[in-house]
């Protein structure tokens, strides 16, 4: 079953998940590397990754004993198309989205 827009927007509602997406814009990452960037348990980060995967925003691949995560931008494109229907957003610009996520990450660190 394909993820719904509700699932995508719910996944994007959490600042930690947006920060994870920002990290994955740069490159694929091992789960352990993603987890090391946050002051929470590996289990908590794994749950965030599961939510992102269920929303279709990331894909996870097991390579040996390491699970790798990569960004899947198609779910963002579908959300973008939906928002364009309201005339509130132009076509998805992944560079602009990356800047937005980086700003969210900086704001989150400043508030911590």
PDB file of N, CA and C in Angstrom:
ATOM      1  N   UNK A   1       0.841  -1.189   0.000  1.00  0.00           N
ATOM      2  CA  UNK A   1       0.000   0.000   0.000  1.00  0.00           C
ATOM      3  C   UNK A   1       0.885   1.251   0.000  1.00  0.00           C
ATOM      4  N   UNK A   2       0.588   2.180  -0.878  1.00  0.00           N
ATOM      5  CA  UNK A   2       1.368   3.405  -0.987  1.00  0.00           C
ATOM      6  C   UNK A   2       1.051   4.331   0.191  1.00  0.00           C
ATOM      7  N   UNK A   3       2.053   5.079   0.632  1.00  0.00           N
ATOM      8  CA  UNK A   3       1.815   6.033   1.718  1.00  0.00           C
ATOM      9  C   UNK A   3       0.812   7.103   1.287  1.00  0.00           C
ATOM     10  N   UNK A   4       0.038   7.573   2.238  1.00  0.00           N
ATOM     11  CA  UNK A   4      -0.925   8.634   1.962  1.00  0.00           C
ATOM     12  C   UNK A   4      -0.296   9.984   2.269  1.00  0.00           C
ATOM     13  N   UNK A   5      -0.915  11.046   1.768  1.00  0.00           N
ATOM     14  CA  UNK A   5      -0.433  12.386   2.102  1.00  0.00           C
ATOM     15  C   UNK A   5      -0.494  12.621   3.606  1.00  0.00           C
ATOM     16  N   UNK A   6      -1.517  12.071   4.267  1.00  0.00           N
ATOM     17  CA  UNK A   6      -1.601  12.217   5.725  1.00  0.00           C
ATOM     18  C   UNK A   6      -0.362  11.636   6.390  1.00  0.00           C
ATOM     19  N   UNK A   7       0.074  10.482   5.901  1.00  0.00           N
ATOM     20  CA  UNK A   7       1.252   9.828   6.464  1.00  0.00           C
ATOM     21  C   UNK A   7       2.495  10.677   6.231  1.00  0.00           C
ATOM     22  N   UNK A   8       2.616  11.234   5.027  1.00  0.00           N
ATOM     23  CA  UNK A   8       3.776  12.076   4.694  1.00  0.00           C
ATOM     24  C   UNK A   8       3.802  13.318   5.586  1.00  0.00           C
ATOM     25  N   UNK A   9       2.674  14.011   5.669  1.00  0.00           N
ATOM     26  CA  UNK A   9       2.642  15.239   6.469  1.00  0.00           C
ATOM     27  C   UNK A   9       2.824  14.942   7.962  1.00  0.00           C
ATOM     28  N   UNK A  10       2.298  13.840   8.442  1.00  0.00           N
ATOM     29  CA  UNK A  10       2.510  13.466   9.848  1.00  0.00           C
ATOM     30  C   UNK A  10       3.988  13.207  10.110  1.00  0.00           C
ATOM     31  N   UNK A  11       4.653  12.553   9.169  1.00  0.00           N
ATOM     32  CA  UNK A  11       6.086  12.292   9.327  1.00  0.00           C
ATOM     33  C   UNK A  11       6.873  13.595   9.340  1.00  0.00           C
ATOM     34  N   UNK A  12       6.483  14.543   8.498  1.00  0.00           N
ATOM     35  CA  UNK A  12       7.187  15.822   8.416  1.00  0.00           C
ATOM     36  C   UNK A  12       6.896  16.745   9.598  1.00  0.00           C
ATOM     37  N   UNK A  13       5.886  16.436  10.381  1.00  0.00           N
ATOM     38  CA  UNK A  13       5.505  17.303  11.502  1.00  0.00           C
ATOM     39  C   UNK A  13       6.520  17.296  12.634  1.00  0.00           C
ATOM     40  N   UNK A  14       7.361  16.278  12.689  1.00  0.00           N
ATOM     41  CA  UNK A  14       8.307  16.156  13.796  1.00  0.00           C
ATOM     42  C   UNK A  14       9.663  16.766  13.427  1.00  0.00           C
ATOM     43  N   UNK A  15      10.212  17.659  14.270  1.00  0.00           N
ATOM     44  CA  UNK A  15      11.489  18.307  13.939  1.00  0.00           C
ATOM     45  C   UNK A  15      12.662  17.325  13.846  1.00  0.00           C
ATOM     46  N   UNK A  16      12.652  16.265  14.631  1.00  0.00           N
ATOM     47  CA  UNK A  16      13.735  15.286  14.536  1.00  0.00           C
ATOM     48  C   UNK A  16      13.707  14.590  13.182  1.00  0.00           C
ATOM     49  N   UNK A  17      12.533  14.254  12.715  1.00  0.00           N
ATOM     50  CA  UNK A  17      12.429  13.599  11.409  1.00  0.00           C
ATOM     51  C   UNK A  17      12.832  14.552  10.287  1.00  0.00           C
ATOM     52  N   UNK A  18      12.493  15.843  10.408  1.00  0.00           N
ATOM     53  CA  UNK A  18      12.938  16.808   9.402  1.00  0.00           C
ATOM     54  C   UNK A  18      14.452  16.933   9.419  1.00  0.00           C
ATOM     55  N   UNK A  19      15.043  16.891  10.600  1.00  0.00           N
ATOM     56  CA  UNK A  19      16.507  16.951  10.699  1.00  0.00           C
ATOM     57  C   UNK A  19      17.140  15.723  10.051  1.00  0.00           C
ATOM     58  N   UNK A  20      16.542  14.567  10.251  1.00  0.00           N
ATOM     59  CA  UNK A  20      17.054  13.342   9.624  1.00  0.00           C
ATOM     60  C   UNK A  20      17.003  13.474   8.108  1.00  0.00           C
ATOM     61  N   UNK A  21      15.898  13.987   7.570  1.00  0.00           N
ATOM     62  CA  UNK A  21      15.797  14.184   6.131  1.00  0.00           C
ATOM     63  C   UNK A  21      16.870  15.134   5.625  1.00  0.00           C
ATOM     64  N   UNK A  22      17.134  16.175   6.400  1.00  0.00           N
ATOM     65  CA  UNK A  22      18.188  17.120   6.028  1.00  0.00           C
ATOM     66  C   UNK A  22      19.536  16.411   5.933  1.00  0.00           C
ATOM     67  N   UNK A  23      19.810  15.548   6.887  1.00  0.00           N
ATOM     68  CA  UNK A  23      21.069  14.799   6.868  1.00  0.00           C
ATOM     69  C   UNK A  23      21.144  13.892   5.642  1.00  0.00           C
ATOM     70  N   UNK A  24      20.024  13.273   5.297  1.00  0.00           N
ATOM     71  CA  UNK A  24      20.008  12.334   4.173  1.00  0.00           C
ATOM     72  C   UNK A  24      20.019  13.038   2.820  1.00  0.00           C
ATOM     73  N   UNK A  25      19.765  14.345   2.808  1.00  0.00           N
ATOM     74  CA  UNK A  25      19.913  15.103   1.563  1.00  0.00           C
ATOM     75  C   UNK A  25      21.376  15.102   1.118  1.00  0.00           C
ATOM     76  N   UNK A  26      22.267  15.037   2.088  1.00  0.00           N
ATOM     77  CA  UNK A  26      23.703  15.064   1.787  1.00  0.00           C
ATOM     78  C   UNK A  26      24.193  13.746   1.215  1.00  0.00           C
ATOM     79  N   UNK A  27      23.766  12.626   1.818  1.00  0.00           N
ATOM     80  CA  UNK A  27      24.255  11.315   1.394  1.00  0.00           C
ATOM     81  C   UNK A  27      23.494  10.234   2.149  1.00  0.00           C
ATOM     82  N   UNK A  28      23.576   9.009   1.650  1.00  0.00           N
ATOM     83  CA  UNK A  28      23.035   7.865   2.386  1.00  0.00           C
ATOM     84  C   UNK A  28      23.808   7.732   3.687  1.00  0.00           C
ATOM     85  N   UNK A  29      23.149   7.228   4.722  1.00  0.00           N
ATOM     86  CA  UNK A  29      23.808   7.096   6.019  1.00  0.00           C
ATOM     87  C   UNK A  29      23.396   5.796   6.688  1.00  0.00           C
ATOM     88  N   UNK A  30      24.303   5.244   7.468  1.00  0.00           N
ATOM     89  CA  UNK A  30      23.992   4.091   8.301  1.00  0.00           C
ATOM     90  C   UNK A  30      23.121   4.567   9.462  1.00  0.00           C
ATOM     91  N   UNK A  31      22.246   3.692   9.926  1.00  0.00           N
ATOM     92  CA  UNK A  31      21.363   4.025  11.052  1.00  0.00           C
ATOM     93  C   UNK A  31      22.182   4.505  12.244  1.00  0.00           C
ATOM     94  N   UNK A  32      23.288   3.847  12.522  1.00  0.00           N
ATOM     95  CA  UNK A  32      24.117   4.233  13.674  1.00  0.00           C
ATOM     96  C   UNK A  32      24.672   5.645  13.516  1.00  0.00           C
ATOM     97  N   UNK A  33      25.000   6.044  12.290  1.00  0.00           N
ATOM     98  CA  UNK A  33      25.497   7.400  12.049  1.00  0.00           C
ATOM     99  C   UNK A  33      24.388   8.430  12.226  1.00  0.00           C
ATOM    100  N   UNK A  34      23.192   8.096  11.777  1.00  0.00           N
ATOM    101  CA  UNK A  34      22.048   8.988  11.986  1.00  0.00           C
ATOM    102  C   UNK A  34      21.822   9.150  13.489  1.00  0.00           C
ATOM    103  N   UNK A  35      21.820   8.042  14.205  1.00  0.00           N
ATOM    104  CA  UNK A  35      21.541   8.071  15.649  1.00  0.00           C
ATOM    105  C   UNK A  35      22.583   8.879  16.416  1.00  0.00           C
ATOM    106  N   UNK A  36      23.835   8.828  15.968  1.00  0.00           N
ATOM    107  CA  UNK A  36      24.897   9.530  16.703  1.00  0.00           C
ATOM    108  C   UNK A  36      24.719  11.044  16.665  1.00  0.00           C
ATOM    109  N   UNK A  37      23.888  11.548  15.770  1.00  0.00           N
ATOM    110  CA  UNK A  37      23.675  12.989  15.658  1.00  0.00           C
ATOM    111  C   UNK A  37      22.616  13.524  16.630  1.00  0.00           C
ATOM    112  N   UNK A  38      21.973  12.628  17.375  1.00  0.00           N
ATOM    113  CA  UNK A  38      20.867  13.046  18.243  1.00  0.00           C
ATOM    114  C   UNK A  38      21.083  12.586  19.683  1.00  0.00           C
ATOM    115  N   UNK A  39      20.624  13.390  20.643  1.00  0.00           N
ATOM    116  CA  UNK A  39      20.808  13.049  22.062  1.00  0.00           C
ATOM    117  C   UNK A  39      19.695  12.132  22.589  1.00  0.00           C
ATOM    118  N   UNK A  40      19.275  11.177  21.765  1.00  0.00           N
ATOM    119  CA  UNK A  40      18.247  10.222  22.165  1.00  0.00           C
ATOM    120  C   UNK A  40      18.769   8.813  21.880  1.00  0.00           C
ATOM    121  N   UNK A  41      18.042   7.825  22.331  1.00  0.00           N
ATOM    122  CA  UNK A  41      18.481   6.439  22.176  1.00  0.00           C
ATOM    123  C   UNK A  41      18.425   5.985  20.712  1.00  0.00           C
ATOM    124  N   UNK A  42      19.166   4.944  20.412  1.00  0.00           N
ATOM    125  CA  UNK A  42      19.135   4.329  19.092  1.00  0.00           C
ATOM    126  C   UNK A  42      17.719   3.854  18.784  1.00  0.00           C
ATOM    127  N   UNK A  43      17.027   3.331  19.785  1.00  0.00           N
ATOM    128  CA  UNK A  43      15.649   2.869  19.585  1.00  0.00           C
ATOM    129  C   UNK A  43      14.738   4.024  19.171  1.00  0.00           C
ATOM    130  N   UNK A  44      14.921   5.186  19.774  1.00  0.00           N
ATOM    131  CA  UNK A  44      14.092   6.346  19.429  1.00  0.00           C
ATOM    132  C   UNK A  44      14.362   6.792  17.992  1.00  0.00           C
ATOM    133  N   UNK A  45      15.633   6.832  17.605  1.00  0.00           N
ATOM    134  CA  UNK A  45      15.970   7.214  16.231  1.00  0.00           C
ATOM    135  C   UNK A  45      15.452   6.156  15.263  1.00  0.00           C
ATOM    136  N   UNK A  46      15.551   4.897  15.627  1.00  0.00           N
ATOM    137  CA  UNK A  46      15.038   3.822  14.772  1.00  0.00           C
ATOM    138  C   UNK A  46      13.541   3.980  14.546  1.00  0.00           C
ATOM    139  N   UNK A  47      12.828   4.394  15.570  1.00  0.00           N
ATOM    140  CA  UNK A  47      11.382   4.618  15.429  1.00  0.00           C
ATOM    141  C   UNK A  47      11.116   5.775  14.463  1.00  0.00           C
ATOM    142  N   UNK A  48      11.889   6.867  14.584  1.00  0.00           N
ATOM    143  CA  UNK A  48      11.744   7.985  13.653  1.00  0.00           C
ATOM    144  C   UNK A  48      12.007   7.512  12.218  1.00  0.00           C
ATOM    145  N   UNK A  49      13.034   6.699  12.043  1.00  0.00           N
ATOM    146  CA  UNK A  49      13.354   6.178  10.710  1.00  0.00           C
ATOM    147  C   UNK A  49      12.229   5.296  10.181  1.00  0.00           C
ATOM    148  N   UNK A  50      11.615   4.537  11.066  1.00  0.00           N
ATOM    149  CA  UNK A  50      10.491   3.683  10.663  1.00  0.00           C
ATOM    150  C   UNK A  50       9.322   4.538  10.178  1.00  0.00           C
ATOM    151  N   UNK A  51       9.032   5.612  10.874  1.00  0.00           N
ATOM    152  CA  UNK A  51       7.943   6.515  10.474  1.00  0.00           C
ATOM    153  C   UNK A  51       8.249   7.121   9.101  1.00  0.00           C
ATOM    154  N   UNK A  52       9.500   7.550   8.899  1.00  0.00           N
ATOM    155  CA  UNK A  52       9.888   8.121   7.609  1.00  0.00           C
ATOM    156  C   UNK A  52       9.785   7.088   6.496  1.00  0.00           C
ATOM    157  N   UNK A  53      10.171   5.855   6.786  1.00  0.00           N
ATOM    158  CA  UNK A  53      10.089   4.783   5.787  1.00  0.00           C
ATOM    159  C   UNK A  53       8.634   4.459   5.460  1.00  0.00           C
ATOM    160  N   UNK A  54       7.780   4.405   6.477  1.00  0.00           N
ATOM    161  CA  UNK A  54       6.353   4.125   6.253  1.00  0.00           C
ATOM    162  C   UNK A  54       5.698   5.217   5.413  1.00  0.00           C
ATOM    163  N   UNK A  55       6.222   6.439   5.516  1.00  0.00           N
ATOM    164  CA  UNK A  55       5.702   7.555   4.728  1.00  0.00           C
ATOM    165  C   UNK A  55       6.303   7.576   3.320  1.00  0.00           C
ATOM    166  N   UNK A  56       7.247   6.688   3.060  1.00  0.00           N
ATOM    167  CA  UNK A  56       7.887   6.646   1.746  1.00  0.00           C
ATOM    168  C   UNK A  56       8.959   7.701   1.556  1.00  0.00           C
ATOM    169  N   UNK A  57       9.316   8.411   2.633  1.00  0.00           N
ATOM    170  CA  UNK A  57      10.298   9.487   2.540  1.00  0.00           C
ATOM    171  C   UNK A  57      11.729   8.980   2.521  1.00  0.00           C
ATOM    172  N   UNK A  58      11.966   7.809   3.089  1.00  0.00           N
ATOM    173  CA  UNK A  58      13.285   7.192   3.038  1.00  0.00           C
ATOM    174  C   UNK A  58      13.127   5.717   2.690  1.00  0.00           C
ATOM    175  N   UNK A  59      14.226   5.134   2.247  1.00  0.00           N
ATOM    176  CA  UNK A  59      14.303   3.691   2.047  1.00  0.00           C
ATOM    177  C   UNK A  59      15.430   3.186   2.929  1.00  0.00           C
ATOM    178  N   UNK A  60      15.276   1.981   3.442  1.00  0.00           N
ATOM    179  CA  UNK A  60      16.310   1.361   4.254  1.00  0.00           C
ATOM    180  C   UNK A  60      16.752   0.076   3.569  1.00  0.00           C
ATOM    181  N   UNK A  61      18.061  -0.157   3.577  1.00  0.00           N
ATOM    182  CA  UNK A  61      18.625  -1.336   2.939  1.00  0.00           C
ATOM    183  C   UNK A  61      19.673  -1.952   3.857  1.00  0.00           C
ATOM    184  N   UNK A  62      19.539  -3.234   4.071  1.00  0.00           N
ATOM    185  CA  UNK A  62      20.490  -3.965   4.912  1.00  0.00           C
ATOM    186  C   UNK A  62      21.672  -4.373   4.035  1.00  0.00           C
ATOM    187  N   UNK A  63      22.869  -3.970   4.435  1.00  0.00           N
ATOM    188  CA  UNK A  63      24.107  -4.362   3.757  1.00  0.00           C
ATOM    189  C   UNK A  63      24.989  -5.014   4.807  1.00  0.00           C
ATOM    190  N   UNK A  64      25.019  -6.335   4.793  1.00  0.00           N
ATOM    191  CA  UNK A  64      25.724  -7.044   5.861  1.00  0.00           C
ATOM    192  C   UNK A  64      24.983  -6.834   7.159  1.00  0.00           C
ATOM    193  N   UNK A  65      25.704  -6.371   8.172  1.00  0.00           N
ATOM    194  CA  UNK A  65      25.081  -6.119   9.472  1.00  0.00           C
ATOM    195  C   UNK A  65      24.641  -4.667   9.639  1.00  0.00           C
ATOM    196  N   UNK A  66      24.836  -3.861   8.606  1.00  0.00           N
ATOM    197  CA  UNK A  66      24.542  -2.428   8.703  1.00  0.00           C
ATOM    198  C   UNK A  66      23.301  -2.097   7.876  1.00  0.00           C
ATOM    199  N   UNK A  67      22.403  -1.329   8.482  1.00  0.00           N
ATOM    200  CA  UNK A  67      21.227  -0.847   7.768  1.00  0.00           C
ATOM    201  C   UNK A  67      21.504   0.578   7.313  1.00  0.00           C
ATOM    202  N   UNK A  68      21.347   0.813   6.011  1.00  0.00           N
ATOM    203  CA  UNK A  68      21.583   2.114   5.408  1.00  0.00           C
ATOM    204  C   UNK A  68      20.249   2.780   5.093  1.00  0.00           C
ATOM    205  N   UNK A  69      20.239   4.104   5.175  1.00  0.00           N
ATOM    206  CA  UNK A  69      19.057   4.896   4.880  1.00  0.00           C
ATOM    207  C   UNK A  69      19.366   5.836   3.729  1.00  0.00           C
ATOM    208  N   UNK A  70      18.375   6.014   2.845  1.00  0.00           N
ATOM    209  CA  UNK A  70      18.543   6.988   1.766  1.00  0.00           C
ATOM    210  C   UNK A  70      17.231   7.721   1.549  1.00  0.00           C
ATOM    211  N   UNK A  71      17.352   8.948   1.127  1.00  0.00           N
ATOM    212  CA  UNK A  71      16.195   9.802   0.873  1.00  0.00           C
ATOM    213  C   UNK A  71      15.451   9.309  -0.355  1.00  0.00           C
ATOM    214  N   UNK A  72      14.124   9.311  -0.276  1.00  0.00           N
ATOM    215  CA  UNK A  72      13.246   8.980  -1.402  1.00  0.00           C
ATOM    216  C   UNK A  72      12.368  10.204  -1.662  1.00  0.00           C
ATOM    217  N   UNK A  73      12.794  11.090  -2.567  1.00  0.00           N
ATOM    218  CA  UNK A  73      12.082  12.365  -2.729  1.00  0.00           C
ATOM    219  C   UNK A  73      10.720  12.277  -3.405  1.00  0.00           C
ATOM    220  N   UNK A  74      10.338  11.144  -3.963  1.00  0.00           N
ATOM    221  CA  UNK A  74       9.046  11.063  -4.658  1.00  0.00           C
ATOM    222  C   UNK A  74       7.871  11.397  -3.745  1.00  0.00           C
ATOM    223  N   UNK A  75       7.916  10.988  -2.489  1.00  0.00           N
ATOM    224  CA  UNK A  75       6.822  11.306  -1.564  1.00  0.00           C
ATOM    225  C   UNK A  75       6.712  12.816  -1.364  1.00  0.00           C
ATOM    226  N   UNK A  76       7.840  13.506  -1.361  1.00  0.00           N
ATOM    227  CA  UNK A  76       7.809  14.966  -1.241  1.00  0.00           C
ATOM    228  C   UNK A  76       7.227  15.594  -2.492  1.00  0.00           C
ATOM    229  N   UNK A  77       7.513  15.017  -3.631  1.00  0.00           N
ATOM    230  CA  UNK A  77       6.959  15.548  -4.878  1.00  0.00           C
ATOM    231  C   UNK A  77       5.431  15.451  -4.871  1.00  0.00           C
ATOM    232  N   UNK A  78       4.896  14.325  -4.414  1.00  0.00           N
ATOM    233  CA  UNK A  78       3.445  14.166  -4.345  1.00  0.00           C
ATOM    234  C   UNK A  78       2.824  15.200  -3.413  1.00  0.00           C
ATOM    235  N   UNK A  79       3.470  15.446  -2.276  1.00  0.00           N
ATOM    236  CA  UNK A  79       2.974  16.465  -1.346  1.00  0.00           C
ATOM    237  C   UNK A  79       3.047  17.848  -1.990  1.00  0.00           C
ATOM    238  N   UNK A  80       4.123  18.090  -2.733  1.00  0.00           N
ATOM    239  CA  UNK A  80       4.287  19.360  -3.416  1.00  0.00           C
ATOM    240  C   UNK A  80       3.186  19.574  -4.447  1.00  0.00           C
ATOM    241  N   UNK A  81       2.878  18.544  -5.218  1.00  0.00           N
ATOM    242  CA  UNK A  81       1.810  18.637  -6.227  1.00  0.00           C
ATOM    243  C   UNK A  81       0.491  18.956  -5.541  1.00  0.00           C
ATOM    244  N   UNK A  82       0.232  18.321  -4.413  1.00  0.00           N
ATOM    245  CA  UNK A  82      -1.000  18.580  -3.674  1.00  0.00           C
ATOM    246  C   UNK A  82      -1.054  20.041  -3.232  1.00  0.00           C
ATOM    247  N   UNK A  83       0.069  20.559  -2.680  1.00  0.00           N
ATOM    248  CA  UNK A  83       0.092  21.945  -2.207  1.00  0.00           C
ATOM    249  C   UNK A  83      -0.005  22.932  -3.364  1.00  0.00           C
ATOM    250  N   UNK A  84       0.551  22.591  -4.522  1.00  0.00           N
ATOM    251  CA  UNK A  84       0.455  23.464  -5.689  1.00  0.00           C
ATOM    252  C   UNK A  84      -1.000  23.668  -6.099  1.00  0.00           C
ATOM    253  N   UNK A  85      -1.811  22.656  -5.843  1.00  0.00           N
ATOM    254  CA  UNK A  85      -3.232  22.754  -6.167  1.00  0.00           C
ATOM    255  C   UNK A  85      -3.921  23.891  -5.432  1.00  0.00           C
ATOM    256  N   UNK A  86      -3.349  24.328  -4.337  1.00  0.00           N
ATOM    257  CA  UNK A  86      -3.911  25.438  -3.576  1.00  0.00           C
ATOM    258  C   UNK A  86      -3.243  26.758  -3.914  1.00  0.00           C
ATOM    259  N   UNK A  87      -2.280  26.696  -4.834  1.00  0.00           N
ATOM    260  CA  UNK A  87      -1.584  27.910  -5.249  1.00  0.00           C
ATOM    261  C   UNK A  87      -0.682  28.481  -4.184  1.00  0.00           C
ATOM    262  N   UNK A  88      -0.324  27.667  -3.178  1.00  0.00           N
ATOM    263  CA  UNK A  88       0.477  28.167  -2.068  1.00  0.00           C
ATOM    264  C   UNK A  88       1.947  27.785  -2.181  1.00  0.00           C
ATOM    265  N   UNK A  89       2.266  27.016  -3.187  1.00  0.00           N
ATOM    266  CA  UNK A  89       3.641  26.555  -3.273  1.00  0.00           C
ATOM    267  C   UNK A  89       3.978  26.304  -4.730  1.00  0.00           C
ATOM    268  N   UNK A  90       5.172  26.691  -5.111  1.00  0.00           N
ATOM    269  CA  UNK A  90       5.620  26.419  -6.467  1.00  0.00           C
ATOM    270  C   UNK A  90       6.149  24.997  -6.537  1.00  0.00           C
ATOM    271  N   UNK A  91       6.554  24.575  -7.719  1.00  0.00           N
ATOM    272  CA  UNK A  91       7.085  23.230  -7.912  1.00  0.00           C
ATOM    273  C   UNK A  91       8.191  22.957  -6.897  1.00  0.00           C
ATOM    274  N   UNK A  92       8.287  21.698  -6.474  1.00  0.00           N
ATOM    275  CA  UNK A  92       9.256  21.313  -5.460  1.00  0.00           C
ATOM    276  C   UNK A  92      10.667  21.643  -5.909  1.00  0.00           C
ATOM    277  N   UNK A  93      11.350  22.384  -5.095  1.00  0.00           N
ATOM    278  CA  UNK A  93      12.747  22.738  -5.320  1.00  0.00           C
ATOM    279  C   UNK A  93      13.526  22.076  -4.192  1.00  0.00           C
ATOM    280  N   UNK A  94      14.205  20.977  -4.503  1.00  0.00           N
ATOM    281  CA  UNK A  94      14.903  20.234  -3.453  1.00  0.00           C
ATOM    282  C   UNK A  94      15.998  21.065  -2.798  1.00  0.00           C
ATOM    283  N   UNK A  95      16.616  21.988  -3.540  1.00  0.00           N
ATOM    284  CA  UNK A  95      17.626  22.854  -2.931  1.00  0.00           C
ATOM    285  C   UNK A  95      16.981  23.760  -1.882  1.00  0.00           C
ATOM    286  N   UNK A  96      15.806  24.309  -2.216  1.00  0.00           N
ATOM    287  CA  UNK A  96      15.095  25.157  -1.252  1.00  0.00           C
ATOM    288  C   UNK A  96      14.640  24.331  -0.058  1.00  0.00           C
ATOM    289  N   UNK A  97      14.186  23.109  -0.316  1.00  0.00           N
ATOM    290  CA  UNK A  97      13.764  22.240   0.780  1.00  0.00           C
ATOM    291  C   UNK A  97      14.946  21.925   1.690  1.00  0.00           C
ATOM    292  N   UNK A  98      16.119  21.699   1.105  1.00  0.00           N
ATOM    293  CA  UNK A  98      17.322  21.444   1.899  1.00  0.00           C
ATOM    294  C   UNK A  98      17.640  22.649   2.777  1.00  0.00           C
ATOM    295  N   UNK A  99      17.545  23.852   2.205  1.00  0.00           N
ATOM    296  CA  UNK A  99      17.805  25.053   3.012  1.00  0.00           C
ATOM    297  C   UNK A  99      16.801  25.168   4.156  1.00  0.00           C
ATOM    298  N   UNK A 100      15.533  24.862   3.866  1.00  0.00           N
ATOM    299  CA  UNK A 100      14.502  24.898   4.906  1.00  0.00           C
ATOM    300  C   UNK A 100      14.845  23.920   6.030  1.00  0.00           C
ATOM    301  N   UNK A 101      15.191  22.678   5.663  1.00  0.00           N
ATOM    302  CA  UNK A 101      15.507  21.679   6.683  1.00  0.00           C
ATOM    303  C   UNK A 101      16.733  22.062   7.489  1.00  0.00           C
ATOM    304  N   UNK A 102      17.740  22.636   6.824  1.00  0.00           N
ATOM    305  CA  UNK A 102      18.930  23.074   7.550  1.00  0.00           C
ATOM    306  C   UNK A 102      18.580  24.171   8.544  1.00  0.00           C
ATOM    307  N   UNK A 103      17.691  25.075   8.145  1.00  0.00           N
ATOM    308  CA  UNK A 103      17.234  26.122   9.061  1.00  0.00           C
ATOM    309  C   UNK A 103      16.485  25.541  10.243  1.00  0.00           C
ATOM    310  N   UNK A 104      15.643  24.540   9.986  1.00  0.00           N
ATOM    311  CA  UNK A 104      14.917  23.870  11.066  1.00  0.00           C
ATOM    312  C   UNK A 104      15.901  23.194  12.027  1.00  0.00           C
ATOM    313  N   UNK A 105      16.932  22.574  11.478  1.00  0.00           N
ATOM    314  CA  UNK A 105      17.927  21.890  12.302  1.00  0.00           C
ATOM    315  C   UNK A 105      18.662  22.906  13.161  1.00  0.00           C
ATOM    316  N   UNK A 106      19.057  24.023  12.567  1.00  0.00           N
ATOM    317  CA  UNK A 106      19.760  25.075  13.342  1.00  0.00           C
ATOM    318  C   UNK A 106      18.848  25.615  14.431  1.00  0.00           C
ATOM    319  N   UNK A 107      17.578  25.885  14.091  1.00  0.00           N
ATOM    320  CA  UNK A 107      16.632  26.405  15.087  1.00  0.00           C
ATOM    321  C   UNK A 107      16.434  25.418  16.226  1.00  0.00           C
ATOM    322  N   UNK A 108      16.376  24.132  15.904  1.00  0.00           N
ATOM    323  CA  UNK A 108      16.218  23.091  16.923  1.00  0.00           C
ATOM    324  C   UNK A 108      17.417  23.021  17.844  1.00  0.00           C
ATOM    325  N   UNK A 109      18.619  23.190  17.281  1.00  0.00           N
ATOM    326  CA  UNK A 109      19.831  23.167  18.098  1.00  0.00           C
ATOM    327  C   UNK A 109      19.917  24.399  18.989  1.00  0.00           C
ATOM    328  N   UNK A 110      19.448  25.516  18.475  1.00  0.00           N
ATOM    329  CA  UNK A 110      19.481  26.761  19.254  1.00  0.00           C
ATOM    330  C   UNK A 110      18.522  26.679  20.438  1.00  0.00           C
ATOM    331  N   UNK A 111      17.418  25.953  20.247  1.00  0.00           N
ATOM    332  CA  UNK A 111      16.431  25.840  21.314  1.00  0.00           C
ATOM    333  C   UNK A 111      16.755  24.772  22.323  1.00  0.00           C
ATOM    334  N   UNK A 112      17.737  23.924  22.000  1.00  0.00           N
ATOM    335  CA  UNK A 112      18.071  22.796  22.894  1.00  0.00           C
ATOM    336  C   UNK A 112      18.881  23.238  24.072  1.00  0.00           C
TER     337      UNK A 112
END
